[in-house]
Protein backbone atom coordinates (compact mmCIF):
# COMPACT_ATOMS: atom_id res chain seq x y z
CA THR A 1 6.45 6.45 23.96
CA ILE A 2 3.59 4.27 22.83
CA GLU A 3 3.07 6.34 19.68
CA ALA A 4 6.61 5.69 18.51
CA TRP A 5 6.26 1.95 19.05
CA LEU A 6 2.94 1.93 17.18
CA VAL A 7 4.61 3.58 14.21
CA VAL A 8 7.44 1.03 14.30
CA ILE A 9 4.98 -1.88 14.42
CA PHE A 10 2.92 -0.29 11.66
CA TYR A 11 5.91 0.02 9.33
CA ILE A 12 7.09 -3.52 10.04
CA LEU A 13 3.69 -5.02 9.26
CA ILE A 14 2.92 -2.85 6.25
CA TYR A 15 6.28 -3.18 4.55
CA ALA A 16 6.27 -6.93 5.10
CA THR A 17 2.90 -7.33 3.40
CA ILE A 18 3.22 -4.75 0.65
CA HIS A 19 6.72 -5.37 -0.57
CA SER A 20 6.34 -9.13 -0.61
CA PHE A 21 3.30 -8.70 -2.86
CA TYR A 22 4.93 -6.12 -5.18
CA ARG A 23 7.78 -8.47 -6.03
CA ASN A 24 5.32 -11.14 -7.10
CA MET A 25 2.63 -8.93 -8.64
CA SER A 26 3.88 -9.26 -12.22
CA LYS A 27 4.03 -13.06 -11.98
CA PHE A 28 0.60 -13.08 -10.31
CA LEU A 29 -0.95 -11.05 -13.14
CA GLN A 30 0.72 -13.17 -15.81
CA LYS A 31 -0.30 -16.48 -14.30
CA ASN A 32 -3.85 -15.68 -13.20
CA TYR A 33 -4.94 -13.26 -15.91
CA GLY A 34 -2.81 -14.30 -18.89
CA MET A 35 -1.13 -10.91 -19.28
CA THR A 36 2.10 -10.43 -21.15
CA ASN A 37 5.27 -9.65 -19.22
CA ASP A 38 5.33 -6.05 -20.49
CA TYR A 39 1.68 -5.33 -19.67
CA ALA A 40 1.92 -6.93 -16.22
CA GLY A 41 5.07 -4.89 -15.55
CA HIS A 42 3.27 -1.69 -16.49
CA LEU A 43 0.39 -2.54 -14.19
CA ALA A 44 2.79 -3.44 -11.38
CA SER A 45 4.32 0.04 -11.59
CA ILE A 46 1.01 1.81 -10.93
CA PRO A 47 1.25 1.66 -7.10
CA TYR A 48 4.68 3.30 -7.20
CA LEU A 49 3.45 6.03 -9.55
CA PHE A 50 0.39 6.64 -7.39
CA ALA A 51 2.49 6.77 -4.23
CA SER A 52 4.91 9.28 -5.75
CA PHE A 53 2.04 11.75 -6.09
CA ALA A 54 -0.17 10.72 -3.16
CA VAL A 55 2.42 10.74 -0.37
CA PRO A 56 3.29 14.45 -0.65
CA VAL A 57 -0.37 15.41 -1.05
CA PHE A 58 -1.53 13.40 1.98
CA GLY A 59 1.49 14.52 3.99
CA HIS A 60 0.65 18.15 3.33
CA LEU A 61 -3.01 17.49 4.08
CA LEU A 62 -2.13 15.94 7.44
CA SER A 63 0.14 18.90 8.20
CA VAL A 64 -2.69 21.30 7.48
CA ILE A 65 -5.34 19.34 9.39
CA GLY A 66 -3.15 18.82 12.41
CA PRO A 67 -1.52 16.10 14.45
CA GLY A 68 -4.82 14.99 15.96
CA TRP A 69 -5.58 13.07 12.77
CA TYR A 70 -2.31 11.11 12.62
CA GLU A 71 -3.77 8.19 14.56
CA VAL A 72 -6.78 8.06 12.25
CA ALA A 73 -4.53 8.03 9.18
CA ILE A 74 -2.28 5.36 10.67
CA THR A 75 -5.33 3.24 11.45
CA CYS A 76 -7.07 3.69 8.10
CA SER A 77 -4.10 2.99 5.85
CA PRO A 78 -3.52 -0.63 6.97
CA LEU A 79 -7.25 -1.24 6.73
CA CYS A 80 -7.20 -0.06 3.11
CA ILE A 81 -4.25 -2.34 2.40
CA LEU A 82 -6.06 -5.25 4.04
CA LEU A 83 -9.10 -4.62 1.84
CA ALA A 84 -6.89 -4.53 -1.26
CA HIS A 85 -5.27 -7.84 -0.33
CA LEU A 86 -8.63 -9.42 0.40
CA SER A 87 -10.00 -8.23 -2.92
CA PHE A 88 -7.11 -9.93 -4.73
CA SER A 89 -7.79 -13.08 -2.74
CA VAL A 90 -11.45 -13.05 -3.75
CA LEU A 91 -10.61 -12.36 -7.41
CA ASN A 92 -8.12 -15.20 -7.47
């Protein structure tokens, strides 16, 4: 179905953009903001810590609200990621 292919495309695009940035985030923070390796590493772990709490909460919320909101959530999440990437581009 088209919904399944949209989810596959979504995961391909999101994981390609997010994980390529996470590997370089510590170096990015050290080079552009003069942070130490330890401090940049701590900051780079924040997205993983946030995701470990946010994913179950948002998953439960979507289960309670209903499947009609899945498309909205799938559309909004890459837009939020795009805004985060653009904000780093502007700050750089």
